[in-house]
Amino acid sequence: MEDTRLRVRSLVAALILLTLTSLGARAQETAGGFLSELHEFRVNNYMALDAYYRFSGNGDTDTLNEIVIGINAANDAMNTIIKSTTGVLSTEQIEGLNQEFDQFKALMRSNINDVRKTGYPDLRLVSDMANQALAMNNMATDLYMAAQESAQTETNPRVEAARSAAVKMAQMMAKYSVRTNSQVAQTFQGSATEKPLDEQAREFDQLLATVMRGDSGSELKEIMSDISSKWEFIRGSYINYNEKNVGFVIDRYSKGILKGLATTITLLQGNA
């Protein structure tokens, strides 16, 4: 029992000690690398949010660890963006995003501590965090689009569709997770301005269709076939939410899709 308490304290401490600089972060010297970091920033923040909603329902230290992993990954991406020397975005644009991220991290810490102290989440704070996550990631998306234009480099439409699909999947996971796991699910359904799950799922359909359009080698075909199969298995759960659906199965398959999309992006970039 004491070991568990110490582990929880160390995990929360790891989240609290996140700072503006990262010892291991390296500046990305290419526009492509800069876009990749912005992409990772968006995905990992939603993954941390997804893990929080599950943590708010089960209080499990392994789930808490997932939150820390997601925040750390987003933090590493943010630090690399800050240290970039590409000049793709202005200092003011990057600092604005970093300030939004600092607010998100602060809200995440407060919400974690609430669950640890009382055993259940504070509805107001959870709502604040959900709205902050959406605003922050919308800003990151706007900056991603601005960076694409500023970079003046040709981008692969299938890579961009795969990245958008990954962000969409991570966002759907978080929204689905709050419905399934949160003890306040009946009164709180995520950000007030977020699109409904069924609409997001149909957008994912279109993005996935774009990724799959075009020539592909045998390895890429196999990966995309696996993504398609996993999506067909869980698509109905996102389109028509049902409390009888098994949440951990949806979570597992969704993570499998994210992993497959990451591999797809790597393969598509290698074939470019």
C-alpha atoms as a PDB file:
ATOM      1  CA  MET A   1       0.000   0.000   0.000  1.00  0.00           C
ATOM      2  CA  GLU A   2       2.836   2.362   0.909  1.00  0.00           C
ATOM      3  CA  ASP A   3       4.612   1.493  -2.358  1.00  0.00           C
ATOM      4  CA  THR A   4       1.466   2.434  -4.288  1.00  0.00           C
ATOM      5  CA  ARG A   5       1.191   5.790  -2.513  1.00  0.00           C
ATOM      6  CA  LEU A   6       4.844   6.543  -3.206  1.00  0.00           C
ATOM      7  CA  ARG A   7       4.404   5.645  -6.856  1.00  0.00           C
ATOM      8  CA  VAL A   8       1.409   7.970  -7.199  1.00  0.00           C
ATOM      9  CA  ARG A   9       3.334  10.799  -5.512  1.00  0.00           C
ATOM     10  CA  SER A  10       6.285  10.324  -7.870  1.00  0.00           C
ATOM     11  CA  LEU A  11       4.040  10.313 -10.936  1.00  0.00           C
ATOM     12  CA  VAL A  12       2.253  13.485  -9.905  1.00  0.00           C
ATOM     13  CA  ALA A  13       5.601  15.062  -9.042  1.00  0.00           C
ATOM     14  CA  ALA A  14       6.813  14.230 -12.531  1.00  0.00           C
ATOM     15  CA  LEU A  15       3.828  16.099 -13.937  1.00  0.00           C
ATOM     16  CA  ILE A  16       4.347  19.071 -11.610  1.00  0.00           C
ATOM     17  CA  LEU A  17       8.035  19.392 -12.470  1.00  0.00           C
ATOM     18  CA  LEU A  18       7.469  19.780 -16.213  1.00  0.00           C
ATOM     19  CA  THR A  19       9.145  23.031 -17.269  1.00  0.00           C
ATOM     20  CA  LEU A  20       9.546  25.153 -20.344  1.00  0.00           C
ATOM     21  CA  THR A  21      12.840  23.533 -21.293  1.00  0.00           C
ATOM     22  CA  SER A  22      13.718  19.899 -21.848  1.00  0.00           C
ATOM     23  CA  LEU A  23      17.215  18.570 -21.243  1.00  0.00           C
ATOM     24  CA  GLY A  24      17.053  16.120 -24.120  1.00  0.00           C
ATOM     25  CA  ALA A  25      15.115  18.197 -26.632  1.00  0.00           C
ATOM     26  CA  ARG A  26      16.820  18.896 -29.938  1.00  0.00           C
ATOM     27  CA  ALA A  27      15.875  21.611 -32.403  1.00  0.00           C
ATOM     28  CA  GLN A  28      14.330  20.374 -35.611  1.00  0.00           C
ATOM     29  CA  GLU A  29      16.171  22.008 -38.478  1.00  0.00           C
ATOM     30  CA  THR A  30      13.669  21.178 -41.209  1.00  0.00           C
ATOM     31  CA  ALA A  31      10.149  22.340 -41.885  1.00  0.00           C
ATOM     32  CA  GLY A  32       9.035  18.706 -42.081  1.00  0.00           C
ATOM     33  CA  GLY A  33      10.410  18.019 -38.619  1.00  0.00           C
ATOM     34  CA  PHE A  34       8.682  21.117 -37.271  1.00  0.00           C
ATOM     35  CA  LEU A  35       5.325  19.935 -38.616  1.00  0.00           C
ATOM     36  CA  SER A  36       5.952  16.496 -37.134  1.00  0.00           C
ATOM     37  CA  GLU A  37       6.477  17.997 -33.661  1.00  0.00           C
ATOM     38  CA  LEU A  38       3.271  20.040 -33.902  1.00  0.00           C
ATOM     39  CA  HIS A  39       1.468  16.856 -34.895  1.00  0.00           C
ATOM     40  CA  GLU A  40       2.872  14.900 -31.937  1.00  0.00           C
ATOM     41  CA  PHE A  41       1.946  17.756 -29.610  1.00  0.00           C
ATOM     42  CA  ARG A  42      -1.708  17.575 -30.651  1.00  0.00           C
ATOM     43  CA  VAL A  43      -2.021  13.795 -30.497  1.00  0.00           C
ATOM     44  CA  ASN A  44      -0.335  13.376 -27.116  1.00  0.00           C
ATOM     45  CA  ASN A  45      -2.402  16.051 -25.387  1.00  0.00           C
ATOM     46  CA  TYR A  46      -5.589  14.236 -26.388  1.00  0.00           C
ATOM     47  CA  MET A  47      -4.059  10.925 -25.275  1.00  0.00           C
ATOM     48  CA  ALA A  48      -3.332  12.461 -21.859  1.00  0.00           C
ATOM     49  CA  LEU A  49      -6.916  13.731 -21.675  1.00  0.00           C
ATOM     50  CA  ASP A  50      -8.257  10.286 -22.607  1.00  0.00           C
ATOM     51  CA  ALA A  51      -6.139   8.720 -19.848  1.00  0.00           C
ATOM     52  CA  TYR A  52      -7.363  11.306 -17.318  1.00  0.00           C
ATOM     53  CA  TYR A  53     -11.010  10.442 -17.945  1.00  0.00           C
ATOM     54  CA  ARG A  54     -10.214   6.784 -17.343  1.00  0.00           C
ATOM     55  CA  PHE A  55      -8.218   7.692 -14.234  1.00  0.00           C
ATOM     56  CA  SER A  56     -11.140   9.742 -12.890  1.00  0.00           C
ATOM     57  CA  GLY A  57     -13.234   6.585 -13.003  1.00  0.00           C
ATOM     58  CA  ASN A  58     -10.759   4.006 -11.707  1.00  0.00           C
ATOM     59  CA  GLY A  59      -7.984   5.896  -9.839  1.00  0.00           C
ATOM     60  CA  ASP A  60      -5.513   3.329 -11.184  1.00  0.00           C
ATOM     61  CA  THR A  61      -1.798   4.223 -10.967  1.00  0.00           C
ATOM     62  CA  ASP A  62      -1.075   2.605 -14.345  1.00  0.00           C
ATOM     63  CA  THR A  63      -3.640   4.938 -15.908  1.00  0.00           C
ATOM     64  CA  LEU A  64      -2.062   7.864 -14.069  1.00  0.00           C
ATOM     65  CA  ASN A  65       1.220   6.836 -15.630  1.00  0.00           C
ATOM     66  CA  GLU A  66      -0.417   7.074 -19.068  1.00  0.00           C
ATOM     67  CA  ILE A  67      -1.359  10.676 -18.308  1.00  0.00           C
ATOM     68  CA  VAL A  68       2.236  11.488 -17.398  1.00  0.00           C
ATOM     69  CA  ILE A  69       3.552   9.752 -20.527  1.00  0.00           C
ATOM     70  CA  GLY A  70       1.153  11.740 -22.722  1.00  0.00           C
ATOM     71  CA  ILE A  71       1.973  15.079 -21.065  1.00  0.00           C
ATOM     72  CA  ASN A  72       5.714  14.356 -21.168  1.00  0.00           C
ATOM     73  CA  ALA A  73       5.545  13.512 -24.872  1.00  0.00           C
ATOM     74  CA  ALA A  74       3.591  16.714 -25.591  1.00  0.00           C
ATOM     75  CA  ASN A  75       6.047  18.644 -23.424  1.00  0.00           C
ATOM     76  CA  ASP A  76       9.025  17.244 -25.350  1.00  0.00           C
ATOM     77  CA  ALA A  77       7.380  18.224 -28.638  1.00  0.00           C
ATOM     78  CA  MET A  78       6.643  21.730 -27.310  1.00  0.00           C
ATOM     79  CA  ASN A  79      10.219  22.187 -26.132  1.00  0.00           C
ATOM     80  CA  THR A  80      11.571  21.089 -29.507  1.00  0.00           C
ATOM     81  CA  ILE A  81       9.265  23.589 -31.216  1.00  0.00           C
ATOM     82  CA  ILE A  82      10.502  26.347 -28.879  1.00  0.00           C
ATOM     83  CA  LYS A  83      14.139  25.495 -29.613  1.00  0.00           C
ATOM     84  CA  SER A  84      13.617  25.249 -33.373  1.00  0.00           C
ATOM     85  CA  THR A  85      15.782  27.470 -35.532  1.00  0.00           C
ATOM     86  CA  THR A  86      13.739  27.069 -38.713  1.00  0.00           C
ATOM     87  CA  GLY A  87      11.892  30.358 -38.258  1.00  0.00           C
ATOM     88  CA  VAL A  88       8.713  28.693 -39.542  1.00  0.00           C
ATOM     89  CA  LEU A  89       6.584  30.450 -36.910  1.00  0.00           C
ATOM     90  CA  SER A  90       7.180  33.662 -34.992  1.00  0.00           C
ATOM     91  CA  THR A  91       8.332  33.719 -31.377  1.00  0.00           C
ATOM     92  CA  GLU A  92       4.982  35.256 -30.429  1.00  0.00           C
ATOM     93  CA  GLN A  93       3.021  32.429 -32.088  1.00  0.00           C
ATOM     94  CA  ILE A  94       5.043  29.735 -30.363  1.00  0.00           C
ATOM     95  CA  GLU A  95       4.932  31.458 -26.983  1.00  0.00           C
ATOM     96  CA  GLY A  96       1.168  31.833 -27.296  1.00  0.00           C
ATOM     97  CA  LEU A  97       0.797  28.076 -27.783  1.00  0.00           C
ATOM     98  CA  ASN A  98       3.189  27.381 -24.930  1.00  0.00           C
ATOM     99  CA  GLN A  99       1.135  29.558 -22.580  1.00  0.00           C
ATOM    100  CA  GLU A 100      -2.014  27.649 -23.540  1.00  0.00           C
ATOM    101  CA  PHE A 101      -0.142  24.404 -22.824  1.00  0.00           C
ATOM    102  CA  ASP A 102       0.956  25.684 -19.406  1.00  0.00           C
ATOM    103  CA  GLN A 103      -2.693  26.346 -18.548  1.00  0.00           C
ATOM    104  CA  PHE A 104      -3.652  22.861 -19.680  1.00  0.00           C
ATOM    105  CA  LYS A 105      -0.923  21.276 -17.552  1.00  0.00           C
ATOM    106  CA  ALA A 106      -1.979  23.302 -14.513  1.00  0.00           C
ATOM    107  CA  LEU A 107      -5.591  22.191 -14.930  1.00  0.00           C
ATOM    108  CA  MET A 108      -4.479  18.596 -15.394  1.00  0.00           C
ATOM    109  CA  ARG A 109      -2.515  18.734 -12.128  1.00  0.00           C
ATOM    110  CA  SER A 110      -5.505  20.201 -10.277  1.00  0.00           C
ATOM    111  CA  ASN A 111      -7.877  17.572 -11.656  1.00  0.00           C
ATOM    112  CA  ILE A 112      -5.528  14.716 -10.800  1.00  0.00           C
ATOM    113  CA  ASN A 113      -5.141  16.006  -7.256  1.00  0.00           C
ATOM    114  CA  ASP A 114      -8.924  16.335  -6.886  1.00  0.00           C
ATOM    115  CA  VAL A 115      -9.450  12.677  -7.809  1.00  0.00           C
ATOM    116  CA  ARG A 116      -6.680  11.584  -5.455  1.00  0.00           C
ATOM    117  CA  LYS A 117      -8.043  13.614  -2.538  1.00  0.00           C
ATOM    118  CA  THR A 118     -11.782  13.051  -2.873  1.00  0.00           C
ATOM    119  CA  GLY A 119     -12.052   9.965  -5.076  1.00  0.00           C
ATOM    120  CA  TYR A 120     -14.099  11.756  -7.727  1.00  0.00           C
ATOM    121  CA  PRO A 121     -13.599  14.628 -10.198  1.00  0.00           C
ATOM    122  CA  ASP A 122     -14.720  18.238  -9.772  1.00  0.00           C
ATOM    123  CA  LEU A 123     -17.165  18.920 -12.616  1.00  0.00           C
ATOM    124  CA  ARG A 124     -16.195  22.574 -13.023  1.00  0.00           C
ATOM    125  CA  LEU A 125     -12.469  21.863 -13.192  1.00  0.00           C
ATOM    126  CA  VAL A 126     -12.952  18.965 -15.600  1.00  0.00           C
ATOM    127  CA  SER A 127     -15.050  21.200 -17.855  1.00  0.00           C
ATOM    128  CA  ASP A 128     -12.376  23.911 -17.720  1.00  0.00           C
ATOM    129  CA  MET A 129      -9.711  21.398 -18.698  1.00  0.00           C
ATOM    130  CA  ALA A 130     -11.751  19.950 -21.576  1.00  0.00           C
ATOM    131  CA  ASN A 131     -12.424  23.414 -23.004  1.00  0.00           C
ATOM    132  CA  GLN A 132      -8.778  24.401 -22.547  1.00  0.00           C
ATOM    133  CA  ALA A 133      -7.634  21.223 -24.351  1.00  0.00           C
ATOM    134  CA  LEU A 134      -9.874  21.979 -27.317  1.00  0.00           C
ATOM    135  CA  ALA A 135      -8.825  25.651 -27.502  1.00  0.00           C
ATOM    136  CA  MET A 136      -5.147  24.714 -27.218  1.00  0.00           C
ATOM    137  CA  ASN A 137      -5.326  22.033 -29.890  1.00  0.00           C
ATOM    138  CA  ASN A 138      -7.340  24.290 -32.199  1.00  0.00           C
ATOM    139  CA  MET A 139      -4.559  26.855 -31.861  1.00  0.00           C
ATOM    140  CA  ALA A 140      -1.964  24.150 -32.570  1.00  0.00           C
ATOM    141  CA  THR A 141      -3.911  23.156 -35.685  1.00  0.00           C
ATOM    142  CA  ASP A 142      -4.051  26.773 -36.879  1.00  0.00           C
ATOM    143  CA  LEU A 143      -0.295  27.080 -36.353  1.00  0.00           C
ATOM    144  CA  TYR A 144       0.248  23.782 -38.160  1.00  0.00           C
ATOM    145  CA  MET A 145      -1.598  25.163 -41.181  1.00  0.00           C
ATOM    146  CA  ALA A 146       0.333  28.435 -40.967  1.00  0.00           C
ATOM    147  CA  ALA A 147       3.599  26.486 -40.781  1.00  0.00           C
ATOM    148  CA  GLN A 148       2.652  24.538 -43.901  1.00  0.00           C
ATOM    149  CA  GLU A 149       2.211  27.772 -45.830  1.00  0.00           C
ATOM    150  CA  SER A 150       5.290  29.424 -44.345  1.00  0.00           C
ATOM    151  CA  ALA A 151       7.496  26.412 -45.036  1.00  0.00           C
ATOM    152  CA  GLN A 152       6.703  26.694 -48.745  1.00  0.00           C
ATOM    153  CA  THR A 153       7.367  22.977 -49.131  1.00  0.00           C
ATOM    154  CA  GLU A 154       5.281  20.439 -50.960  1.00  0.00           C
ATOM    155  CA  THR A 155       3.443  18.177 -48.553  1.00  0.00           C
ATOM    156  CA  ASN A 156       2.155  14.695 -49.228  1.00  0.00           C
ATOM    157  CA  PRO A 157      -1.680  14.761 -49.125  1.00  0.00           C
ATOM    158  CA  ARG A 158      -1.773  11.209 -47.775  1.00  0.00           C
ATOM    159  CA  VAL A 159       0.666  12.055 -44.971  1.00  0.00           C
ATOM    160  CA  GLU A 160      -1.406  15.096 -44.045  1.00  0.00           C
ATOM    161  CA  ALA A 161      -4.605  13.024 -44.106  1.00  0.00           C
ATOM    162  CA  ALA A 162      -2.972  10.382 -41.900  1.00  0.00           C
ATOM    163  CA  ARG A 163      -1.877  13.016 -39.402  1.00  0.00           C
ATOM    164  CA  SER A 164      -5.344  14.582 -39.359  1.00  0.00           C
ATOM    165  CA  ALA A 165      -6.855  11.114 -38.913  1.00  0.00           C
ATOM    166  CA  ALA A 166      -4.559  10.433 -35.950  1.00  0.00           C
ATOM    167  CA  VAL A 167      -5.529  13.706 -34.264  1.00  0.00           C
ATOM    168  CA  LYS A 168      -9.199  12.954 -34.950  1.00  0.00           C
ATOM    169  CA  MET A 169      -8.875   9.450 -33.477  1.00  0.00           C
ATOM    170  CA  ALA A 170      -7.154  10.732 -30.324  1.00  0.00           C
ATOM    171  CA  GLN A 171      -9.851  13.400 -29.954  1.00  0.00           C
ATOM    172  CA  MET A 172     -12.614  10.792 -30.374  1.00  0.00           C
ATOM    173  CA  MET A 173     -10.948   8.544 -27.817  1.00  0.00           C
ATOM    174  CA  ALA A 174     -11.017  11.328 -25.225  1.00  0.00           C
ATOM    175  CA  LYS A 175     -14.682  12.137 -25.890  1.00  0.00           C
ATOM    176  CA  TYR A 176     -15.666   8.464 -25.811  1.00  0.00           C
ATOM    177  CA  SER A 177     -13.650   7.943 -22.644  1.00  0.00           C
ATOM    178  CA  VAL A 178     -15.436  10.672 -20.693  1.00  0.00           C
ATOM    179  CA  ARG A 179     -18.759   9.023 -21.508  1.00  0.00           C
ATOM    180  CA  THR A 180     -17.562   5.579 -20.487  1.00  0.00           C
ATOM    181  CA  ASN A 181     -15.346   6.188 -17.471  1.00  0.00           C
ATOM    182  CA  SER A 182     -16.114   9.471 -15.740  1.00  0.00           C
ATOM    183  CA  GLN A 183     -18.217   9.320 -12.616  1.00  0.00           C
ATOM    184  CA  VAL A 184     -19.914  12.501 -13.844  1.00  0.00           C
ATOM    185  CA  ALA A 185     -20.554  11.172 -17.351  1.00  0.00           C
ATOM    186  CA  GLN A 186     -24.280  11.755 -17.066  1.00  0.00           C
ATOM    187  CA  THR A 187     -23.827  15.500 -16.696  1.00  0.00           C
ATOM    188  CA  PHE A 188     -20.473  16.134 -18.386  1.00  0.00           C
ATOM    189  CA  GLN A 189     -19.775  15.183 -22.010  1.00  0.00           C
ATOM    190  CA  GLY A 190     -16.498  16.973 -22.737  1.00  0.00           C
ATOM    191  CA  SER A 191     -15.895  20.377 -24.250  1.00  0.00           C
ATOM    192  CA  ALA A 192     -19.006  22.483 -24.754  1.00  0.00           C
ATOM    193  CA  THR A 193     -18.048  23.346 -28.340  1.00  0.00           C
ATOM    194  CA  GLU A 194     -16.661  19.981 -29.485  1.00  0.00           C
ATOM    195  CA  LYS A 195     -18.295  18.196 -32.411  1.00  0.00           C
ATOM    196  CA  PRO A 196     -20.506  15.148 -31.621  1.00  0.00           C
ATOM    197  CA  LEU A 197     -18.829  11.749 -31.816  1.00  0.00           C
ATOM    198  CA  ASP A 198     -20.817  10.564 -34.813  1.00  0.00           C
ATOM    199  CA  GLU A 199     -19.801  13.645 -36.808  1.00  0.00           C
ATOM    200  CA  GLN A 200     -16.151  13.175 -35.864  1.00  0.00           C
ATOM    201  CA  ALA A 201     -16.341   9.511 -36.874  1.00  0.00           C
ATOM    202  CA  ARG A 202     -17.661  10.401 -40.324  1.00  0.00           C
ATOM    203  CA  GLU A 203     -14.847  12.913 -40.734  1.00  0.00           C
ATOM    204  CA  PHE A 204     -12.446  10.117 -39.824  1.00  0.00           C
ATOM    205  CA  ASP A 205     -14.040   8.005 -42.593  1.00  0.00           C
ATOM    206  CA  GLN A 206     -13.145  10.651 -45.155  1.00  0.00           C
ATOM    207  CA  LEU A 207      -9.593  11.102 -43.877  1.00  0.00           C
ATOM    208  CA  LEU A 208      -8.979   7.362 -43.894  1.00  0.00           C
ATOM    209  CA  ALA A 209     -10.287   7.113 -47.454  1.00  0.00           C
ATOM    210  CA  THR A 210      -7.745   9.751 -48.521  1.00  0.00           C
ATOM    211  CA  VAL A 211      -4.909   7.888 -46.797  1.00  0.00           C
ATOM    212  CA  MET A 212      -5.820   4.680 -48.601  1.00  0.00           C
ATOM    213  CA  ARG A 213      -6.088   6.330 -52.004  1.00  0.00           C
ATOM    214  CA  GLY A 214      -2.976   5.855 -54.144  1.00  0.00           C
ATOM    215  CA  ASP A 215      -0.198   3.386 -54.835  1.00  0.00           C
ATOM    216  CA  SER A 216       1.093   1.394 -51.869  1.00  0.00           C
ATOM    217  CA  GLY A 217       3.733  -1.246 -51.349  1.00  0.00           C
ATOM    218  CA  SER A 218       2.938  -4.573 -49.725  1.00  0.00           C
ATOM    219  CA  GLU A 219       3.919  -3.440 -46.214  1.00  0.00           C
ATOM    220  CA  LEU A 220       1.832  -0.287 -46.428  1.00  0.00           C
ATOM    221  CA  LYS A 221      -1.142  -2.203 -47.837  1.00  0.00           C
ATOM    222  CA  GLU A 222      -0.957  -4.622 -44.921  1.00  0.00           C
ATOM    223  CA  ILE A 223      -0.838  -1.806 -42.360  1.00  0.00           C
ATOM    224  CA  MET A 224      -3.743   0.055 -43.947  1.00  0.00           C
ATOM    225  CA  SER A 225      -5.785  -3.132 -44.188  1.00  0.00           C
ATOM    226  CA  ASP A 226      -5.253  -3.681 -40.459  1.00  0.00           C
ATOM    227  CA  ILE A 227      -6.298  -0.074 -39.709  1.00  0.00           C
ATOM    228  CA  SER A 228      -9.406  -0.483 -41.844  1.00  0.00           C
ATOM    229  CA  SER A 229     -10.364  -3.737 -40.126  1.00  0.00           C
ATOM    230  CA  LYS A 230      -9.939  -2.260 -36.653  1.00  0.00           C
ATOM    231  CA  TRP A 231     -11.954   0.805 -37.622  1.00  0.00           C
ATOM    232  CA  GLU A 232     -14.812  -1.265 -39.058  1.00  0.00           C
ATOM    233  CA  PHE A 233     -14.924  -3.195 -35.784  1.00  0.00           C
ATOM    234  CA  ILE A 234     -15.333  -0.114 -33.567  1.00  0.00           C
ATOM    235  CA  ARG A 235     -16.878   2.418 -35.976  1.00  0.00           C
ATOM    236  CA  GLY A 236     -20.437   1.618 -34.903  1.00  0.00           C
ATOM    237  CA  SER A 237     -19.518   2.312 -31.268  1.00  0.00           C
ATOM    238  CA  TYR A 238     -18.388   5.816 -32.181  1.00  0.00           C
ATOM    239  CA  ILE A 239     -21.352   6.463 -34.484  1.00  0.00           C
ATOM    240  CA  ASN A 240     -23.992   5.118 -32.103  1.00  0.00           C
ATOM    241  CA  TYR A 241     -22.752   5.262 -28.525  1.00  0.00           C
ATOM    242  CA  ASN A 242     -24.156   2.523 -26.324  1.00  0.00           C
ATOM    243  CA  GLU A 243     -23.455   2.090 -22.622  1.00  0.00           C
ATOM    244  CA  LYS A 244     -23.260  -1.665 -23.201  1.00  0.00           C
ATOM    245  CA  ASN A 245     -20.190  -1.258 -25.403  1.00  0.00           C
ATOM    246  CA  VAL A 246     -16.992  -2.554 -23.795  1.00  0.00           C
ATOM    247  CA  GLY A 247     -14.873   0.561 -23.230  1.00  0.00           C
ATOM    248  CA  PHE A 248     -11.495  -1.145 -22.901  1.00  0.00           C
ATOM    249  CA  VAL A 249     -11.992  -2.890 -26.252  1.00  0.00           C
ATOM    250  CA  ILE A 250     -12.736   0.433 -27.967  1.00  0.00           C
ATOM    251  CA  ASP A 251      -9.667   1.923 -26.278  1.00  0.00           C
ATOM    252  CA  ARG A 252      -7.415  -0.960 -27.343  1.00  0.00           C
ATOM    253  CA  TYR A 253      -8.531  -0.925 -30.972  1.00  0.00           C
ATOM    254  CA  SER A 254      -8.326   2.870 -31.149  1.00  0.00           C
ATOM    255  CA  LYS A 255      -4.753   2.756 -29.876  1.00  0.00           C
ATOM    256  CA  GLY A 256      -4.014   0.094 -32.473  1.00  0.00           C
ATOM    257  CA  ILE A 257      -5.320   2.436 -35.178  1.00  0.00           C
ATOM    258  CA  LEU A 258      -3.123   5.253 -33.867  1.00  0.00           C
ATOM    259  CA  LYS A 259      -0.089   2.983 -33.949  1.00  0.00           C
ATOM    260  CA  GLY A 260      -0.957   1.903 -37.489  1.00  0.00           C
ATOM    261  CA  LEU A 261      -1.350   5.515 -38.628  1.00  0.00           C
ATOM    262  CA  ALA A 262       2.051   6.401 -37.151  1.00  0.00           C
ATOM    263  CA  THR A 263       3.616   3.543 -39.138  1.00  0.00           C
ATOM    264  CA  THR A 264       1.698   4.621 -42.241  1.00  0.00           C
ATOM    265  CA  ILE A 265       3.081   8.157 -41.957  1.00  0.00           C
ATOM    266  CA  THR A 266       6.633   6.812 -41.652  1.00  0.00           C
ATOM    267  CA  LEU A 267       6.207   4.549 -44.669  1.00  0.00           C
ATOM    268  CA  LEU A 268       4.617   7.270 -46.791  1.00  0.00           C
ATOM    269  CA  GLN A 269       7.403   9.692 -45.924  1.00  0.00           C
ATOM    270  CA  GLY A 270       9.980   7.056 -46.790  1.00  0.00           C
ATOM    271  CA  ASN A 271       8.399   6.545 -50.198  1.00  0.00           C
ATOM    272  CA  ALA A 272       8.205  10.268 -50.927  1.00  0.00           C
END
